Amino acid sequence: MRNVRVLIANEPRTYREAFAEALRFIRPGAEIVEAEAEDLDREVERFRPDVVLCSTVSPTVQNMVENWVLLYPENEPLVMVSTAGELSTVSDVDLDDIIALVDRTAGLINNNHAPSL
C-alpha cells in the first residue's frame, strides 16, 4: 500500500501553504509537495503526483495526472475538477472537498476504485 502523492501549485502562495499544511495535518500519511506555479510541469514529471491542485492546467498535467483541481481559472468564480480523467465544473471547492478527492484517489491507488468529487 503506497501513500497518495499530492502536488499543490496554486496561487496565491498563502492558499497553497494553507492547503498543504491542512493536508499534512489531516492526512499525515500523504506525500505533499508544494511548488511555484511556474514549476508545475517540472514537478509533475519529477514527483509523479496522484492529485494536483493548481491555478493553471498544462498539457503535462492533463496527460500525466488523472485527478486535478483547477482553482478559479483567470479569477473566475468556478473550479474545474478532473477525477479519474472525467472533467466537471463546480462553483466552489473547500478543504473537505479536497480531502475527499485525496481519500478517493488513495482508494483508487490501493483498491482500484475511481474517485469523484
N, C-alpha and C. Protein backbone atom coordinates (compact mmCIF):
# COMPACT_ATOMS: atom_id res chain seq x y z
N MET A 1 0.84 -1.18 0.00
CA MET A 1 0.00 0.00 0.00
C MET A 1 0.89 1.24 0.00
N ARG A 2 0.74 2.08 -1.02
CA ARG A 2 1.57 3.28 -1.06
C ARG A 2 0.76 4.52 -0.73
N ASN A 3 1.47 5.54 -0.31
CA ASN A 3 0.82 6.79 0.06
C ASN A 3 0.42 7.58 -1.17
N VAL A 4 -0.67 8.29 -1.07
CA VAL A 4 -1.11 9.18 -2.14
C VAL A 4 -0.16 10.37 -2.21
N ARG A 5 0.15 10.80 -3.42
CA ARG A 5 1.05 11.94 -3.65
C ARG A 5 0.22 13.13 -4.14
N VAL A 6 0.38 14.26 -3.47
CA VAL A 6 -0.37 15.47 -3.80
C VAL A 6 0.60 16.60 -4.09
N LEU A 7 0.46 17.20 -5.26
CA LEU A 7 1.25 18.36 -5.64
C LEU A 7 0.35 19.59 -5.59
N ILE A 8 0.77 20.59 -4.84
CA ILE A 8 -0.02 21.82 -4.70
C ILE A 8 0.78 22.96 -5.32
N ALA A 9 0.23 23.53 -6.39
CA ALA A 9 0.95 24.58 -7.14
C ALA A 9 0.01 25.72 -7.51
N ASN A 10 -0.91 26.03 -6.62
CA ASN A 10 -1.86 27.10 -6.92
C ASN A 10 -1.36 28.45 -6.41
N GLU A 11 -1.96 29.48 -6.89
CA GLU A 11 -1.71 30.84 -6.43
C GLU A 11 -2.99 31.36 -5.80
N PRO A 12 -2.93 32.22 -4.86
CA PRO A 12 -1.74 32.80 -4.26
C PRO A 12 -1.03 31.83 -3.32
N ARG A 13 0.19 32.18 -3.03
CA ARG A 13 1.05 31.33 -2.22
C ARG A 13 0.43 31.02 -0.85
N THR A 14 -0.23 31.98 -0.24
CA THR A 14 -0.82 31.75 1.08
C THR A 14 -1.88 30.65 1.03
N TYR A 15 -2.66 30.58 -0.05
CA TYR A 15 -3.64 29.50 -0.21
C TYR A 15 -2.93 28.16 -0.36
N ARG A 16 -1.87 28.16 -1.16
CA ARG A 16 -1.09 26.94 -1.38
C ARG A 16 -0.55 26.43 -0.04
N GLU A 17 0.04 27.32 0.74
CA GLU A 17 0.60 26.93 2.02
C GLU A 17 -0.48 26.44 2.99
N ALA A 18 -1.63 27.09 2.96
CA ALA A 18 -2.73 26.69 3.85
C ALA A 18 -3.25 25.29 3.49
N PHE A 19 -3.46 25.04 2.18
CA PHE A 19 -3.89 23.71 1.75
C PHE A 19 -2.85 22.66 2.15
N ALA A 20 -1.58 22.95 1.92
CA ALA A 20 -0.52 21.99 2.22
C ALA A 20 -0.46 21.68 3.71
N GLU A 21 -0.48 22.69 4.54
CA GLU A 21 -0.41 22.46 5.98
C GLU A 21 -1.63 21.71 6.49
N ALA A 22 -2.80 22.07 6.00
CA ALA A 22 -4.01 21.37 6.42
C ALA A 22 -3.96 19.90 6.02
N LEU A 23 -3.56 19.62 4.78
CA LEU A 23 -3.49 18.22 4.33
C LEU A 23 -2.43 17.44 5.11
N ARG A 24 -1.30 18.07 5.39
CA ARG A 24 -0.26 17.39 6.18
C ARG A 24 -0.77 17.03 7.57
N PHE A 25 -1.57 17.90 8.14
CA PHE A 25 -2.10 17.66 9.48
C PHE A 25 -3.20 16.60 9.45
N ILE A 26 -4.13 16.71 8.50
CA ILE A 26 -5.30 15.83 8.45
C ILE A 26 -4.96 14.47 7.87
N ARG A 27 -4.06 14.43 6.90
CA ARG A 27 -3.64 13.17 6.25
C ARG A 27 -2.12 13.05 6.32
N PRO A 28 -1.59 12.76 7.51
CA PRO A 28 -0.13 12.73 7.67
C PRO A 28 0.56 11.66 6.82
N GLY A 29 -0.16 10.66 6.36
CA GLY A 29 0.45 9.64 5.51
C GLY A 29 0.60 10.06 4.07
N ALA A 30 -0.07 11.11 3.67
CA ALA A 30 0.01 11.58 2.28
C ALA A 30 1.35 12.28 2.05
N GLU A 31 1.87 12.13 0.85
CA GLU A 31 3.08 12.85 0.47
C GLU A 31 2.64 14.16 -0.18
N ILE A 32 2.97 15.28 0.43
CA ILE A 32 2.53 16.59 -0.02
C ILE A 32 3.75 17.39 -0.47
N VAL A 33 3.69 17.92 -1.68
CA VAL A 33 4.76 18.77 -2.20
C VAL A 33 4.14 20.08 -2.67
N GLU A 34 4.76 21.18 -2.30
CA GLU A 34 4.35 22.50 -2.77
C GLU A 34 5.31 22.94 -3.86
N ALA A 35 4.77 23.67 -4.84
CA ALA A 35 5.61 24.18 -5.92
C ALA A 35 5.05 25.51 -6.41
N GLU A 36 5.93 26.34 -6.91
CA GLU A 36 5.51 27.57 -7.57
C GLU A 36 4.78 27.19 -8.85
N ALA A 37 3.82 28.00 -9.23
CA ALA A 37 3.02 27.70 -10.43
C ALA A 37 3.89 27.52 -11.66
N GLU A 38 4.94 28.31 -11.78
CA GLU A 38 5.80 28.20 -12.96
C GLU A 38 6.63 26.91 -12.98
N ASP A 39 6.70 26.21 -11.87
CA ASP A 39 7.44 24.95 -11.79
C ASP A 39 6.53 23.73 -11.89
N LEU A 40 5.26 23.94 -12.18
CA LEU A 40 4.28 22.86 -12.17
C LEU A 40 4.69 21.69 -13.05
N ASP A 41 4.98 21.92 -14.31
CA ASP A 41 5.31 20.82 -15.22
C ASP A 41 6.52 20.03 -14.75
N ARG A 42 7.56 20.72 -14.35
CA ARG A 42 8.77 20.04 -13.89
C ARG A 42 8.46 19.18 -12.65
N GLU A 43 7.67 19.71 -11.74
CA GLU A 43 7.34 18.97 -10.53
C GLU A 43 6.42 17.78 -10.82
N VAL A 44 5.52 17.92 -11.78
CA VAL A 44 4.68 16.78 -12.17
C VAL A 44 5.56 15.66 -12.71
N GLU A 45 6.51 16.00 -13.55
CA GLU A 45 7.40 14.99 -14.13
C GLU A 45 8.30 14.37 -13.07
N ARG A 46 8.77 15.15 -12.12
CA ARG A 46 9.68 14.66 -11.08
C ARG A 46 8.94 13.86 -10.01
N PHE A 47 7.86 14.40 -9.48
CA PHE A 47 7.17 13.84 -8.32
C PHE A 47 6.13 12.78 -8.68
N ARG A 48 5.59 12.83 -9.90
CA ARG A 48 4.55 11.89 -10.35
C ARG A 48 3.36 11.85 -9.38
N PRO A 49 2.72 13.01 -9.18
CA PRO A 49 1.62 13.07 -8.21
C PRO A 49 0.39 12.32 -8.67
N ASP A 50 -0.44 11.96 -7.69
CA ASP A 50 -1.73 11.36 -7.95
C ASP A 50 -2.82 12.42 -8.04
N VAL A 51 -2.61 13.53 -7.34
CA VAL A 51 -3.54 14.65 -7.31
C VAL A 51 -2.74 15.94 -7.46
N VAL A 52 -3.27 16.87 -8.25
CA VAL A 52 -2.66 18.20 -8.40
C VAL A 52 -3.71 19.25 -8.11
N LEU A 53 -3.34 20.24 -7.31
CA LEU A 53 -4.13 21.46 -7.11
C LEU A 53 -3.34 22.57 -7.78
N CYS A 54 -3.97 23.31 -8.68
CA CYS A 54 -3.23 24.31 -9.43
C CYS A 54 -4.11 25.48 -9.87
N SER A 55 -3.45 26.51 -10.36
CA SER A 55 -4.14 27.70 -10.88
C SER A 55 -4.21 27.69 -12.39
N THR A 56 -3.39 26.88 -13.02
CA THR A 56 -3.44 26.68 -14.47
C THR A 56 -3.18 25.20 -14.74
N VAL A 57 -3.83 24.68 -15.75
CA VAL A 57 -3.63 23.28 -16.11
C VAL A 57 -2.90 23.23 -17.44
N SER A 58 -1.76 22.60 -17.42
CA SER A 58 -0.95 22.47 -18.63
C SER A 58 -1.22 21.13 -19.30
N PRO A 59 -0.77 20.97 -20.54
CA PRO A 59 -0.88 19.65 -21.18
C PRO A 59 -0.15 18.56 -20.39
N THR A 60 0.93 18.91 -19.71
CA THR A 60 1.64 17.93 -18.89
C THR A 60 0.74 17.40 -17.79
N VAL A 61 0.04 18.30 -17.11
CA VAL A 61 -0.89 17.87 -16.06
C VAL A 61 -2.00 17.03 -16.66
N GLN A 62 -2.59 17.49 -17.73
CA GLN A 62 -3.71 16.77 -18.36
C GLN A 62 -3.30 15.39 -18.83
N ASN A 63 -2.08 15.23 -19.30
CA ASN A 63 -1.62 13.95 -19.84
C ASN A 63 -1.07 13.00 -18.78
N MET A 64 -0.59 13.54 -17.66
CA MET A 64 0.10 12.69 -16.69
C MET A 64 -0.66 12.48 -15.39
N VAL A 65 -1.69 13.29 -15.13
CA VAL A 65 -2.38 13.23 -13.84
C VAL A 65 -3.88 13.12 -14.10
N GLU A 66 -4.51 12.07 -13.60
CA GLU A 66 -5.95 11.89 -13.81
C GLU A 66 -6.80 12.73 -12.86
N ASN A 67 -6.25 13.08 -11.70
CA ASN A 67 -7.01 13.76 -10.66
C ASN A 67 -6.38 15.12 -10.37
N TRP A 68 -7.05 16.17 -10.82
CA TRP A 68 -6.54 17.51 -10.57
C TRP A 68 -7.69 18.47 -10.32
N VAL A 69 -7.34 19.57 -9.65
CA VAL A 69 -8.30 20.62 -9.35
C VAL A 69 -7.71 21.93 -9.84
N LEU A 70 -8.41 22.56 -10.75
CA LEU A 70 -8.02 23.88 -11.25
C LEU A 70 -8.83 24.90 -10.48
N LEU A 71 -8.15 25.65 -9.63
CA LEU A 71 -8.80 26.59 -8.74
C LEU A 71 -8.94 27.97 -9.39
N TYR A 72 -10.15 28.38 -9.58
CA TYR A 72 -10.51 29.73 -10.02
C TYR A 72 -9.68 30.21 -11.22
N PRO A 73 -9.82 29.52 -12.35
CA PRO A 73 -9.05 29.92 -13.54
C PRO A 73 -9.38 31.35 -13.96
N GLU A 74 -8.32 32.10 -14.21
CA GLU A 74 -8.46 33.51 -14.62
C GLU A 74 -9.36 34.29 -13.68
N ASN A 75 -9.27 33.95 -12.38
CA ASN A 75 -10.04 34.61 -11.32
C ASN A 75 -11.55 34.50 -11.50
N GLU A 76 -11.99 33.51 -12.23
CA GLU A 76 -13.42 33.26 -12.40
C GLU A 76 -13.95 32.50 -11.18
N PRO A 77 -15.20 32.69 -10.80
CA PRO A 77 -15.76 32.01 -9.63
C PRO A 77 -16.20 30.58 -9.94
N LEU A 78 -15.28 29.76 -10.38
CA LEU A 78 -15.56 28.37 -10.65
C LEU A 78 -14.31 27.55 -10.45
N VAL A 79 -14.52 26.26 -10.34
CA VAL A 79 -13.43 25.32 -10.14
C VAL A 79 -13.64 24.17 -11.11
N MET A 80 -12.59 23.77 -11.82
CA MET A 80 -12.66 22.62 -12.71
C MET A 80 -11.97 21.45 -12.01
N VAL A 81 -12.63 20.29 -12.08
CA VAL A 81 -12.12 19.11 -11.38
C VAL A 81 -12.06 17.95 -12.36
N SER A 82 -10.90 17.30 -12.39
CA SER A 82 -10.75 16.07 -13.15
C SER A 82 -10.59 14.94 -12.15
N THR A 83 -11.54 14.02 -12.17
CA THR A 83 -11.46 12.84 -11.30
C THR A 83 -11.47 11.61 -12.18
N ALA A 84 -10.41 10.85 -12.07
CA ALA A 84 -10.24 9.66 -12.90
C ALA A 84 -10.41 10.01 -14.38
N GLY A 85 -9.95 11.20 -14.74
CA GLY A 85 -9.99 11.63 -16.14
C GLY A 85 -11.30 12.22 -16.59
N GLU A 86 -12.32 12.29 -15.72
CA GLU A 86 -13.60 12.88 -16.07
C GLU A 86 -13.66 14.31 -15.56
N LEU A 87 -13.96 15.24 -16.44
CA LEU A 87 -13.94 16.66 -16.12
C LEU A 87 -15.31 17.17 -15.70
N SER A 88 -15.34 17.96 -14.62
CA SER A 88 -16.57 18.61 -14.19
C SER A 88 -16.22 20.02 -13.72
N THR A 89 -17.24 20.86 -13.64
CA THR A 89 -17.08 22.23 -13.17
C THR A 89 -18.01 22.44 -11.99
N VAL A 90 -17.48 23.02 -10.94
CA VAL A 90 -18.27 23.32 -9.76
C VAL A 90 -18.07 24.79 -9.41
N SER A 91 -19.00 25.33 -8.63
CA SER A 91 -18.92 26.75 -8.31
C SER A 91 -17.88 27.06 -7.25
N ASP A 92 -17.59 26.10 -6.41
CA ASP A 92 -16.63 26.34 -5.34
C ASP A 92 -16.12 25.01 -4.82
N VAL A 93 -15.02 25.05 -4.13
CA VAL A 93 -14.44 23.86 -3.50
C VAL A 93 -13.88 24.29 -2.15
N ASP A 94 -14.00 23.42 -1.17
CA ASP A 94 -13.42 23.75 0.13
C ASP A 94 -12.48 22.63 0.55
N LEU A 95 -11.90 22.77 1.73
CA LEU A 95 -10.93 21.80 2.20
C LEU A 95 -11.53 20.40 2.30
N ASP A 96 -12.77 20.29 2.73
CA ASP A 96 -13.41 18.98 2.81
C ASP A 96 -13.48 18.30 1.45
N ASP A 97 -13.74 19.08 0.39
CA ASP A 97 -13.78 18.53 -0.97
C ASP A 97 -12.40 18.02 -1.39
N ILE A 98 -11.37 18.79 -1.07
CA ILE A 98 -10.00 18.39 -1.42
C ILE A 98 -9.63 17.11 -0.67
N ILE A 99 -9.94 17.06 0.62
CA ILE A 99 -9.66 15.86 1.41
C ILE A 99 -10.39 14.65 0.83
N ALA A 100 -11.64 14.85 0.44
CA ALA A 100 -12.41 13.74 -0.15
C ALA A 100 -11.75 13.26 -1.44
N LEU A 101 -11.28 14.15 -2.27
CA LEU A 101 -10.60 13.76 -3.51
C LEU A 101 -9.31 13.01 -3.19
N VAL A 102 -8.54 13.50 -2.24
CA VAL A 102 -7.31 12.81 -1.85
C VAL A 102 -7.63 11.41 -1.32
N ASP A 103 -8.64 11.30 -0.48
CA ASP A 103 -9.01 9.99 0.07
C ASP A 103 -9.49 9.04 -1.02
N ARG A 104 -10.31 9.54 -1.93
CA ARG A 104 -10.80 8.68 -3.01
C ARG A 104 -9.68 8.27 -3.94
N THR A 105 -8.74 9.18 -4.17
CA THR A 105 -7.59 8.83 -5.01
C THR A 105 -6.74 7.77 -4.33
N ALA A 106 -6.56 7.89 -3.02
CA ALA A 106 -5.83 6.86 -2.27
C ALA A 106 -6.52 5.52 -2.43
N GLY A 107 -7.85 5.53 -2.41
CA GLY A 107 -8.61 4.30 -2.64
C GLY A 107 -8.39 3.74 -4.03
N LEU A 108 -8.33 4.62 -5.01
CA LEU A 108 -8.07 4.20 -6.39
C LEU A 108 -6.70 3.55 -6.50
N ILE A 109 -5.74 4.16 -5.87
CA ILE A 109 -4.37 3.64 -5.93
C ILE A 109 -4.29 2.25 -5.32
N ASN A 110 -4.94 2.10 -4.18
CA ASN A 110 -4.78 0.87 -3.41
C ASN A 110 -5.89 -0.15 -3.61
N ASN A 111 -7.03 0.28 -4.16
CA ASN A 111 -8.16 -0.65 -4.31
C ASN A 111 -8.80 -0.63 -5.69
N ASN A 112 -8.27 0.17 -6.59
CA ASN A 112 -8.80 0.30 -7.95
C ASN A 112 -10.24 0.78 -7.99
N HIS A 113 -10.61 1.75 -7.13
CA HIS A 113 -11.91 2.41 -7.17
C HIS A 113 -11.73 3.81 -7.71
N ALA A 114 -12.60 4.24 -8.58
CA ALA A 114 -12.50 5.58 -9.16
C ALA A 114 -12.94 6.63 -8.16
N PRO A 115 -12.17 7.74 -8.02
CA PRO A 115 -12.57 8.82 -7.13
C PRO A 115 -13.59 9.73 -7.80
N SER A 116 -14.31 10.48 -6.98
CA SER A 116 -15.20 11.51 -7.50
C SER A 116 -15.26 12.64 -6.51
N LEU A 117 -15.64 13.80 -6.97
CA LEU A 117 -15.76 14.96 -6.10
C LEU A 117 -17.16 15.50 -6.19
